Amino acid sequence: MTHLHLSFYCAFTLSGLGLAFHRTHLISALLCLESMMLSMYVALAMWPIQTQSSSSTILPILMLVFSACEAGTGLALLVASTRTHGSDLLHNFNLLRC
């Protein structure tokens, strides 16, 4: 395993651990999800370079598009929940209440 692979795995794992253990605010959960997506984007962008192939160069662009859609949806949910509940604390949200 090269240092490049190790850094990608560590970035993804640290983002997942941050998502699992620091879930007090919605914005911190969204930032952890975004860093997971960006580490996957960088890994997918470096993969064709390491394998010397040009067949899978569209995958990082699709991943970046999905990441941008996820970020936009997450920020819209953050604004809507902050307006209705007054804060972005995750323990204030109740899924059973409309």
PDB file of N, CA and C in Angstrom:
ATOM      1  N   MET A   1       0.850  -1.178   0.000  1.00  0.00           N
ATOM      2  CA  MET A   1       0.000   0.000   0.000  1.00  0.00           C
ATOM      3  C   MET A   1       0.895   1.240   0.000  1.00  0.00           C
ATOM      4  N   THR A   2       0.632   2.125  -0.918  1.00  0.00           N
ATOM      5  CA  THR A   2       1.434   3.339  -1.023  1.00  0.00           C
ATOM      6  C   THR A   2       0.940   4.385  -0.027  1.00  0.00           C
ATOM      7  N   HIS A   3       1.731   5.425   0.104  1.00  0.00           N
ATOM      8  CA  HIS A   3       1.351   6.513   1.002  1.00  0.00           C
ATOM      9  C   HIS A   3       0.109   7.244   0.498  1.00  0.00           C
ATOM     10  N   LEU A   4      -0.058   7.284  -0.811  1.00  0.00           N
ATOM     11  CA  LEU A   4      -1.230   7.933  -1.395  1.00  0.00           C
ATOM     12  C   LEU A   4      -2.508   7.186  -1.028  1.00  0.00           C
ATOM     13  N   HIS A   5      -2.479   5.854  -1.140  1.00  0.00           N
ATOM     14  CA  HIS A   5      -3.645   5.061  -0.757  1.00  0.00           C
ATOM     15  C   HIS A   5      -3.924   5.184   0.738  1.00  0.00           C
ATOM     16  N   LEU A   6      -2.880   5.171   1.524  1.00  0.00           N
ATOM     17  CA  LEU A   6      -3.047   5.283   2.966  1.00  0.00           C
ATOM     18  C   LEU A   6      -3.666   6.622   3.360  1.00  0.00           C
ATOM     19  N   SER A   7      -3.263   7.685   2.679  1.00  0.00           N
ATOM     20  CA  SER A   7      -3.833   8.999   3.000  1.00  0.00           C
ATOM     21  C   SER A   7      -5.309   9.077   2.615  1.00  0.00           C
ATOM     22  N   PHE A   8      -5.695   8.453   1.498  1.00  0.00           N
ATOM     23  CA  PHE A   8      -7.107   8.433   1.120  1.00  0.00           C
ATOM     24  C   PHE A   8      -7.933   7.633   2.110  1.00  0.00           C
ATOM     25  N   TYR A   9      -7.426   6.482   2.514  1.00  0.00           N
ATOM     26  CA  TYR A   9      -8.140   5.648   3.475  1.00  0.00           C
ATOM     27  C   TYR A   9      -8.256   6.338   4.829  1.00  0.00           C
ATOM     28  N   CYS A  10      -7.195   7.006   5.234  1.00  0.00           N
ATOM     29  CA  CYS A  10      -7.239   7.719   6.519  1.00  0.00           C
ATOM     30  C   CYS A  10      -8.216   8.895   6.478  1.00  0.00           C
ATOM     31  N   ALA A  11      -8.238   9.626   5.369  1.00  0.00           N
ATOM     32  CA  ALA A  11      -9.165  10.757   5.244  1.00  0.00           C
ATOM     33  C   ALA A  11     -10.606  10.278   5.270  1.00  0.00           C
ATOM     34  N   PHE A  12     -10.891   9.189   4.557  1.00  0.00           N
ATOM     35  CA  PHE A  12     -12.251   8.663   4.541  1.00  0.00           C
ATOM     36  C   PHE A  12     -12.639   8.122   5.916  1.00  0.00           C
ATOM     37  N   THR A  13     -11.731   7.418   6.577  1.00  0.00           N
ATOM     38  CA  THR A  13     -12.014   6.846   7.889  1.00  0.00           C
ATOM     39  C   THR A  13     -12.201   7.932   8.940  1.00  0.00           C
ATOM     40  N   LEU A  14     -11.368   8.957   8.915  1.00  0.00           N
ATOM     41  CA  LEU A  14     -11.518  10.050   9.875  1.00  0.00           C
ATOM     42  C   LEU A  14     -12.817  10.817   9.656  1.00  0.00           C
ATOM     43  N   SER A  15     -13.221  10.964   8.414  1.00  0.00           N
ATOM     44  CA  SER A  15     -14.500  11.614   8.140  1.00  0.00           C
ATOM     45  C   SER A  15     -15.662  10.765   8.644  1.00  0.00           C
ATOM     46  N   GLY A  16     -15.580   9.455   8.448  1.00  0.00           N
ATOM     47  CA  GLY A  16     -16.621   8.566   8.957  1.00  0.00           C
ATOM     48  C   GLY A  16     -16.688   8.558  10.474  1.00  0.00           C
ATOM     49  N   LEU A  17     -15.521   8.596  11.126  1.00  0.00           N
ATOM     50  CA  LEU A  17     -15.496   8.660  12.590  1.00  0.00           C
ATOM     51  C   LEU A  17     -16.041  10.000  13.085  1.00  0.00           C
ATOM     52  N   GLY A  18     -15.725  11.066  12.371  1.00  0.00           N
ATOM     53  CA  GLY A  18     -16.278  12.367  12.737  1.00  0.00           C
ATOM     54  C   GLY A  18     -17.787  12.398  12.592  1.00  0.00           C
ATOM     55  N   LEU A  19     -18.295  11.731  11.575  1.00  0.00           N
ATOM     56  CA  LEU A  19     -19.744  11.649  11.385  1.00  0.00           C
ATOM     57  C   LEU A  19     -20.389  10.801  12.473  1.00  0.00           C
ATOM     58  N   ALA A  20     -19.703   9.763  12.909  1.00  0.00           N
ATOM     59  CA  ALA A  20     -20.271   8.863  13.908  1.00  0.00           C
ATOM     60  C   ALA A  20     -20.251   9.459  15.319  1.00  0.00           C
ATOM     61  N   PHE A  21     -19.202  10.201  15.647  1.00  0.00           N
ATOM     62  CA  PHE A  21     -19.043  10.633  17.037  1.00  0.00           C
ATOM     63  C   PHE A  21     -19.361  12.104  17.297  1.00  0.00           C
ATOM     64  N   HIS A  22     -19.342  12.954  16.306  1.00  0.00           N
ATOM     65  CA  HIS A  22     -19.579  14.389  16.519  1.00  0.00           C
ATOM     66  C   HIS A  22     -20.835  14.822  15.783  1.00  0.00           C
ATOM     67  N   ARG A  23     -21.970  14.316  16.224  1.00  0.00           N
ATOM     68  CA  ARG A  23     -23.237  14.597  15.557  1.00  0.00           C
ATOM     69  C   ARG A  23     -24.083  15.581  16.353  1.00  0.00           C
ATOM     70  N   THR A  24     -23.508  16.622  16.891  1.00  0.00           N
ATOM     71  CA  THR A  24     -24.317  17.564  17.647  1.00  0.00           C
ATOM     72  C   THR A  24     -24.999  18.581  16.740  1.00  0.00           C
ATOM     73  N   HIS A  25     -24.303  19.076  15.755  1.00  0.00           N
ATOM     74  CA  HIS A  25     -24.852  20.065  14.839  1.00  0.00           C
ATOM     75  C   HIS A  25     -25.011  19.454  13.449  1.00  0.00           C
ATOM     76  N   LEU A  26     -26.006  19.921  12.735  1.00  0.00           N
ATOM     77  CA  LEU A  26     -26.240  19.442  11.373  1.00  0.00           C
ATOM     78  C   LEU A  26     -25.120  19.866  10.436  1.00  0.00           C
ATOM     79  N   ILE A  27     -24.562  21.042  10.651  1.00  0.00           N
ATOM     80  CA  ILE A  27     -23.503  21.522   9.772  1.00  0.00           C
ATOM     81  C   ILE A  27     -22.247  20.675   9.910  1.00  0.00           C
ATOM     82  N   SER A  28     -21.944  20.170  11.109  1.00  0.00           N
ATOM     83  CA  SER A  28     -20.765  19.305  11.265  1.00  0.00           C
ATOM     84  C   SER A  28     -20.984  17.959  10.597  1.00  0.00           C
ATOM     85  N   ALA A  29     -22.206  17.441  10.635  1.00  0.00           N
ATOM     86  CA  ALA A  29     -22.506  16.193   9.935  1.00  0.00           C
ATOM     87  C   ALA A  29     -22.397  16.385   8.424  1.00  0.00           C
ATOM     88  N   LEU A  30     -22.863  17.520   7.929  1.00  0.00           N
ATOM     89  CA  LEU A  30     -22.756  17.795   6.496  1.00  0.00           C
ATOM     90  C   LEU A  30     -21.305  17.974   6.060  1.00  0.00           C
ATOM     91  N   LEU A  31     -20.491  18.591   6.904  1.00  0.00           N
ATOM     92  CA  LEU A  31     -19.078  18.745   6.572  1.00  0.00           C
ATOM     93  C   LEU A  31     -18.360  17.406   6.545  1.00  0.00           C
ATOM     94  N   CYS A  32     -18.712  16.510   7.445  1.00  0.00           N
ATOM     95  CA  CYS A  32     -18.114  15.173   7.435  1.00  0.00           C
ATOM     96  C   CYS A  32     -18.524  14.401   6.180  1.00  0.00           C
ATOM     97  N   LEU A  33     -19.792  14.505   5.794  1.00  0.00           N
ATOM     98  CA  LEU A  33     -20.233  13.857   4.560  1.00  0.00           C
ATOM     99  C   LEU A  33     -19.520  14.435   3.343  1.00  0.00           C
ATOM    100  N   GLU A  34     -19.330  15.740   3.342  1.00  0.00           N
ATOM    101  CA  GLU A  34     -18.660  16.380   2.214  1.00  0.00           C
ATOM    102  C   GLU A  34     -17.188  15.982   2.146  1.00  0.00           C
ATOM    103  N   SER A  35     -16.529  15.845   3.272  1.00  0.00           N
ATOM    104  CA  SER A  35     -15.130  15.421   3.236  1.00  0.00           C
ATOM    105  C   SER A  35     -15.001  13.962   2.814  1.00  0.00           C
ATOM    106  N   MET A  36     -15.985  13.125   3.150  1.00  0.00           N
ATOM    107  CA  MET A  36     -15.982  11.750   2.655  1.00  0.00           C
ATOM    108  C   MET A  36     -16.122  11.727   1.134  1.00  0.00           C
ATOM    109  N   MET A  37     -17.006  12.540   0.618  1.00  0.00           N
ATOM    110  CA  MET A  37     -17.197  12.592  -0.830  1.00  0.00           C
ATOM    111  C   MET A  37     -15.952  13.144  -1.530  1.00  0.00           C
ATOM    112  N   LEU A  38     -15.298  14.130  -0.933  1.00  0.00           N
ATOM    113  CA  LEU A  38     -14.108  14.700  -1.571  1.00  0.00           C
ATOM    114  C   LEU A  38     -12.931  13.732  -1.549  1.00  0.00           C
ATOM    115  N   SER A  39     -12.807  12.944  -0.485  1.00  0.00           N
ATOM    116  CA  SER A  39     -11.733  11.950  -0.475  1.00  0.00           C
ATOM    117  C   SER A  39     -11.998  10.869  -1.517  1.00  0.00           C
ATOM    118  N   MET A  40     -13.264  10.495  -1.700  1.00  0.00           N
ATOM    119  CA  MET A  40     -13.586   9.540  -2.762  1.00  0.00           C
ATOM    120  C   MET A  40     -13.360  10.160  -4.143  1.00  0.00           C
ATOM    121  N   TYR A  41     -13.631  11.441  -4.281  1.00  0.00           N
ATOM    122  CA  TYR A  41     -13.392  12.122  -5.558  1.00  0.00           C
ATOM    123  C   TYR A  41     -11.913  12.123  -5.917  1.00  0.00           C
ATOM    124  N   VAL A  42     -11.066  12.453  -4.966  1.00  0.00           N
ATOM    125  CA  VAL A  42      -9.636  12.489  -5.238  1.00  0.00           C
ATOM    126  C   VAL A  42      -9.113  11.088  -5.553  1.00  0.00           C
ATOM    127  N   ALA A  43      -9.615  10.079  -4.842  1.00  0.00           N
ATOM    128  CA  ALA A  43      -9.201   8.707  -5.128  1.00  0.00           C
ATOM    129  C   ALA A  43      -9.641   8.277  -6.529  1.00  0.00           C
ATOM    130  N   LEU A  44     -10.850   8.637  -6.924  1.00  0.00           N
ATOM    131  CA  LEU A  44     -11.306   8.293  -8.278  1.00  0.00           C
ATOM    132  C   LEU A  44     -10.578   9.086  -9.354  1.00  0.00           C
ATOM    133  N   ALA A  45     -10.152  10.295  -9.034  1.00  0.00           N
ATOM    134  CA  ALA A  45      -9.412  11.088 -10.006  1.00  0.00           C
ATOM    135  C   ALA A  45      -7.996  10.556 -10.195  1.00  0.00           C
ATOM    136  N   MET A  46      -7.406   9.997  -9.152  1.00  0.00           N
ATOM    137  CA  MET A  46      -6.048   9.473  -9.247  1.00  0.00           C
ATOM    138  C   MET A  46      -6.004   8.046  -9.786  1.00  0.00           C
ATOM    139  N   TRP A  47      -7.115   7.340  -9.774  1.00  0.00           N
ATOM    140  CA  TRP A  47      -7.139   5.939 -10.192  1.00  0.00           C
ATOM    141  C   TRP A  47      -6.764   5.731 -11.661  1.00  0.00           C
ATOM    142  N   PRO A  48      -7.302   6.494 -12.630  1.00  0.00           N
ATOM    143  CA  PRO A  48      -6.870   6.285 -14.028  1.00  0.00           C
ATOM    144  C   PRO A  48      -5.407   6.641 -14.257  1.00  0.00           C
ATOM    145  N   ILE A  49      -4.881   7.559 -13.459  1.00  0.00           N
ATOM    146  CA  ILE A  49      -3.471   7.925 -13.613  1.00  0.00           C
ATOM    147  C   ILE A  49      -2.585   6.773 -13.163  1.00  0.00           C
ATOM    148  N   GLN A  50      -2.969   6.124 -12.069  1.00  0.00           N
ATOM    149  CA  GLN A  50      -2.157   5.016 -11.562  1.00  0.00           C
ATOM    150  C   GLN A  50      -2.270   3.770 -12.434  1.00  0.00           C
ATOM    151  N   THR A  51      -3.415   3.544 -13.054  1.00  0.00           N
ATOM    152  CA  THR A  51      -3.582   2.354 -13.883  1.00  0.00           C
ATOM    153  C   THR A  51      -3.258   2.606 -15.356  1.00  0.00           C
ATOM    154  N   GLN A  52      -2.922   3.829 -15.725  1.00  0.00           N
ATOM    155  CA  GLN A  52      -2.607   4.229 -17.101  1.00  0.00           C
ATOM    156  C   GLN A  52      -3.730   3.871 -18.072  1.00  0.00           C
ATOM    157  N   SER A  53      -4.969   4.118 -17.661  1.00  0.00           N
ATOM    158  CA  SER A  53      -6.105   3.887 -18.544  1.00  0.00           C
ATOM    159  C   SER A  53      -6.921   5.160 -18.671  1.00  0.00           C
ATOM    160  N   SER A  54      -7.583   5.308 -19.782  1.00  0.00           N
ATOM    161  CA  SER A  54      -8.403   6.499 -20.003  1.00  0.00           C
ATOM    162  C   SER A  54      -9.879   6.147 -20.098  1.00  0.00           C
ATOM    163  N   SER A  55     -10.228   4.927 -19.760  1.00  0.00           N
ATOM    164  CA  SER A  55     -11.616   4.509 -19.943  1.00  0.00           C
ATOM    165  C   SER A  55     -12.537   4.997 -18.840  1.00  0.00           C
ATOM    166  N   SER A  56     -12.039   5.270 -17.663  1.00  0.00           N
ATOM    167  CA  SER A  56     -12.915   5.635 -16.537  1.00  0.00           C
ATOM    168  C   SER A  56     -12.664   7.061 -16.068  1.00  0.00           C
ATOM    169  N   THR A  57     -12.464   7.985 -16.988  1.00  0.00           N
ATOM    170  CA  THR A  57     -12.208   9.359 -16.587  1.00  0.00           C
ATOM    171  C   THR A  57     -13.490  10.135 -16.316  1.00  0.00           C
ATOM    172  N   ILE A  58     -14.661   9.600 -16.638  1.00  0.00           N
ATOM    173  CA  ILE A  58     -15.924  10.300 -16.392  1.00  0.00           C
ATOM    174  C   ILE A  58     -16.403  10.093 -14.958  1.00  0.00           C
ATOM    175  N   LEU A  59     -15.927   9.068 -14.281  1.00  0.00           N
ATOM    176  CA  LEU A  59     -16.383   8.776 -12.919  1.00  0.00           C
ATOM    177  C   LEU A  59     -16.118   9.910 -11.918  1.00  0.00           C
ATOM    178  N   PRO A  60     -14.940  10.538 -11.912  1.00  0.00           N
ATOM    179  CA  PRO A  60     -14.758  11.653 -10.964  1.00  0.00           C
ATOM    180  C   PRO A  60     -15.683  12.836 -11.229  1.00  0.00           C
ATOM    181  N   ILE A  61     -16.004  13.068 -12.490  1.00  0.00           N
ATOM    182  CA  ILE A  61     -16.906  14.178 -12.807  1.00  0.00           C
ATOM    183  C   ILE A  61     -18.317  13.875 -12.307  1.00  0.00           C
ATOM    184  N   LEU A  62     -18.766  12.644 -12.488  1.00  0.00           N
ATOM    185  CA  LEU A  62     -20.078  12.257 -11.954  1.00  0.00           C
ATOM    186  C   LEU A  62     -20.110  12.324 -10.438  1.00  0.00           C
ATOM    187  N   MET A  63     -19.020  11.918  -9.791  1.00  0.00           N
ATOM    188  CA  MET A  63     -18.942  11.990  -8.334  1.00  0.00           C
ATOM    189  C   MET A  63     -18.985  13.439  -7.854  1.00  0.00           C
ATOM    190  N   LEU A  64     -18.337  14.329  -8.584  1.00  0.00           N
ATOM    191  CA  LEU A  64     -18.357  15.741  -8.218  1.00  0.00           C
ATOM    192  C   LEU A  64     -19.747  16.340  -8.399  1.00  0.00           C
ATOM    193  N   VAL A  65     -20.469  15.919  -9.425  1.00  0.00           N
ATOM    194  CA  VAL A  65     -21.842  16.395  -9.640  1.00  0.00           C
ATOM    195  C   VAL A  65     -22.744  15.926  -8.511  1.00  0.00           C
ATOM    196  N   PHE A  66     -22.645  14.641  -8.132  1.00  0.00           N
ATOM    197  CA  PHE A  66     -23.454  14.135  -7.024  1.00  0.00           C
ATOM    198  C   PHE A  66     -23.086  14.802  -5.712  1.00  0.00           C
ATOM    199  N   SER A  67     -21.813  15.109  -5.530  1.00  0.00           N
ATOM    200  CA  SER A  67     -21.383  15.793  -4.315  1.00  0.00           C
ATOM    201  C   SER A  67     -21.940  17.212  -4.252  1.00  0.00           C
ATOM    202  N   ALA A  68     -21.983  17.892  -5.367  1.00  0.00           N
ATOM    203  CA  ALA A  68     -22.546  19.241  -5.396  1.00  0.00           C
ATOM    204  C   ALA A  68     -24.047  19.207  -5.127  1.00  0.00           C
ATOM    205  N   CYS A  69     -24.738  18.219  -5.674  1.00  0.00           N
ATOM    206  CA  CYS A  69     -26.178  18.072  -5.402  1.00  0.00           C
ATOM    207  C   CYS A  69     -26.429  17.756  -3.928  1.00  0.00           C
ATOM    208  N   GLU A  70     -25.590  16.912  -3.352  1.00  0.00           N
ATOM    209  CA  GLU A  70     -25.724  16.573  -1.934  1.00  0.00           C
ATOM    210  C   GLU A  70     -25.469  17.795  -1.056  1.00  0.00           C
ATOM    211  N   ALA A  71     -24.480  18.592  -1.424  1.00  0.00           N
ATOM    212  CA  ALA A  71     -24.183  19.791  -0.637  1.00  0.00           C
ATOM    213  C   ALA A  71     -25.322  20.807  -0.729  1.00  0.00           C
ATOM    214  N   GLY A  72     -25.873  20.986  -1.917  1.00  0.00           N
ATOM    215  CA  GLY A  72     -26.998  21.917  -2.072  1.00  0.00           C
ATOM    216  C   GLY A  72     -28.229  21.469  -1.313  1.00  0.00           C
ATOM    217  N   THR A  73     -28.526  20.189  -1.366  1.00  0.00           N
ATOM    218  CA  THR A  73     -29.674  19.651  -0.626  1.00  0.00           C
ATOM    219  C   THR A  73     -29.453  19.755   0.872  1.00  0.00           C
ATOM    220  N   GLY A  74     -28.241  19.465   1.316  1.00  0.00           N
ATOM    221  CA  GLY A  74     -27.938  19.560   2.743  1.00  0.00           C
ATOM    222  C   GLY A  74     -28.035  20.983   3.261  1.00  0.00           C
ATOM    223  N   LEU A  75     -27.552  21.940   2.497  1.00  0.00           N
ATOM    224  CA  LEU A  75     -27.652  23.334   2.936  1.00  0.00           C
ATOM    225  C   LEU A  75     -29.089  23.830   2.913  1.00  0.00           C
ATOM    226  N   ALA A  76     -29.879  23.360   1.956  1.00  0.00           N
ATOM    227  CA  ALA A  76     -31.298  23.733   1.947  1.00  0.00           C
ATOM    228  C   ALA A  76     -32.012  23.158   3.158  1.00  0.00           C
ATOM    229  N   LEU A  77     -31.695  21.919   3.533  1.00  0.00           N
ATOM    230  CA  LEU A  77     -32.273  21.337   4.746  1.00  0.00           C
ATOM    231  C   LEU A  77     -31.810  22.066   5.988  1.00  0.00           C
ATOM    232  N   LEU A  78     -30.549  22.509   5.997  1.00  0.00           N
ATOM    233  CA  LEU A  78     -30.035  23.262   7.140  1.00  0.00           C
ATOM    234  C   LEU A  78     -30.776  24.577   7.305  1.00  0.00           C
ATOM    235  N   VAL A  79     -30.991  25.294   6.219  1.00  0.00           N
ATOM    236  CA  VAL A  79     -31.705  26.570   6.294  1.00  0.00           C
ATOM    237  C   VAL A  79     -33.156  26.353   6.709  1.00  0.00           C
ATOM    238  N   ALA A  80     -33.803  25.338   6.143  1.00  0.00           N
ATOM    239  CA  ALA A  80     -35.199  25.082   6.484  1.00  0.00           C
ATOM    240  C   ALA A  80     -35.351  24.646   7.935  1.00  0.00           C
ATOM    241  N   SER A  81     -34.456  23.810   8.420  1.00  0.00           N
ATOM    242  CA  SER A  81     -34.565  23.357   9.805  1.00  0.00           C
ATOM    243  C   SER A  81     -34.204  24.458  10.788  1.00  0.00           C
ATOM    244  N   THR A  82     -33.275  25.334  10.407  1.00  0.00           N
ATOM    245  CA  THR A  82     -32.930  26.444  11.290  1.00  0.00           C
ATOM    246  C   THR A  82     -34.085  27.434  11.375  1.00  0.00           C
ATOM    247  N   ARG A  83     -34.785  27.638  10.281  1.00  0.00           N
ATOM    248  CA  ARG A  83     -35.937  28.548  10.309  1.00  0.00           C
ATOM    249  C   ARG A  83     -37.093  27.984  11.130  1.00  0.00           C
ATOM    250  N   THR A  84     -37.330  26.679  11.041  1.00  0.00           N
ATOM    251  CA  THR A  84     -38.474  26.112  11.748  1.00  0.00           C
ATOM    252  C   THR A  84     -38.179  25.803  13.203  1.00  0.00           C
ATOM    253  N   HIS A  85     -36.956  25.311  13.501  1.00  0.00           N
ATOM    254  CA  HIS A  85     -36.640  24.893  14.864  1.00  0.00           C
ATOM    255  C   HIS A  85     -35.789  25.895  15.634  1.00  0.00           C
ATOM    256  N   GLY A  86     -35.191  26.860  14.977  1.00  0.00           N
ATOM    257  CA  GLY A  86     -34.426  27.886  15.661  1.00  0.00           C
ATOM    258  C   GLY A  86     -32.948  27.587  15.808  1.00  0.00           C
ATOM    259  N   SER A  87     -32.515  26.359  15.619  1.00  0.00           N
ATOM    260  CA  SER A  87     -31.093  26.016  15.694  1.00  0.00           C
ATOM    261  C   SER A  87     -30.828  24.804  14.811  1.00  0.00           C
ATOM    262  N   ASP A  88     -29.543  24.471  14.678  1.00  0.00           N
ATOM    263  CA  ASP A  88     -29.192  23.305  13.866  1.00  0.00           C
ATOM    264  C   ASP A  88     -28.753  22.125  14.724  1.00  0.00           C
ATOM    265  N   LEU A  89     -29.131  22.118  15.979  1.00  0.00           N
ATOM    266  CA  LEU A  89     -28.808  20.991  16.847  1.00  0.00           C
ATOM    267  C   LEU A  89     -29.633  19.777  16.433  1.00  0.00           C
ATOM    268  N   LEU A  90     -28.972  18.650  16.280  1.00  0.00           N
ATOM    269  CA  LEU A  90     -29.647  17.459  15.787  1.00  0.00           C
ATOM    270  C   LEU A  90     -30.577  16.838  16.816  1.00  0.00           C
ATOM    271  N   HIS A  91     -30.320  17.059  18.112  1.00  0.00           N
ATOM    272  CA  HIS A  91     -31.210  16.455  19.104  1.00  0.00           C
ATOM    273  C   HIS A  91     -32.539  17.201  19.230  1.00  0.00           C
ATOM    274  N   ASN A  92     -32.661  18.370  18.604  1.00  0.00           N
ATOM    275  CA  ASN A  92     -33.930  19.104  18.616  1.00  0.00           C
ATOM    276  C   ASN A  92     -34.927  18.560  17.597  1.00  0.00           C
ATOM    277  N   PHE A  93     -34.425  17.823  16.609  1.00  0.00           N
ATOM    278  CA  PHE A  93     -35.294  17.322  15.556  1.00  0.00           C
ATOM    279  C   PHE A  93     -35.999  16.059  16.021  1.00  0.00           C
ATOM    280  N   ASN A  94     -37.281  15.986  15.737  1.00  0.00           N
ATOM    281  CA  ASN A  94     -38.057  14.800  16.031  1.00  0.00           C
ATOM    282  C   ASN A  94     -38.685  14.336  14.731  1.00  0.00           C
ATOM    283  N   LEU A  95     -38.363  13.126  14.318  1.00  0.00           N
ATOM    284  CA  LEU A  95     -38.865  12.622  13.043  1.00  0.00           C
ATOM    285  C   LEU A  95     -40.348  12.283  13.084  1.00  0.00           C
ATOM    286  N   LEU A  96     -40.915  12.101  14.266  1.00  0.00           N
ATOM    287  CA  LEU A  96     -42.321  11.756  14.366  1.00  0.00           C
ATOM    288  C   LEU A  96     -43.234  12.975  14.282  1.00  0.00           C
ATOM    289  N   ARG A  97     -42.663  14.146  14.443  1.00  0.00           N
ATOM    290  CA  ARG A  97     -43.431  15.385  14.427  1.00  0.00           C
ATOM    291  C   ARG A  97     -43.295  16.062  13.081  1.00  0.00           C
ATOM    292  N   CYS A  98     -44.389  16.585  12.538  1.00  0.00           N
ATOM    293  CA  CYS A  98     -44.340  17.246  11.228  1.00  0.00           C
ATOM    294  C   CYS A  98     -43.972  18.699  11.352  1.00  0.00           C
TER     295      CYS A  98
END
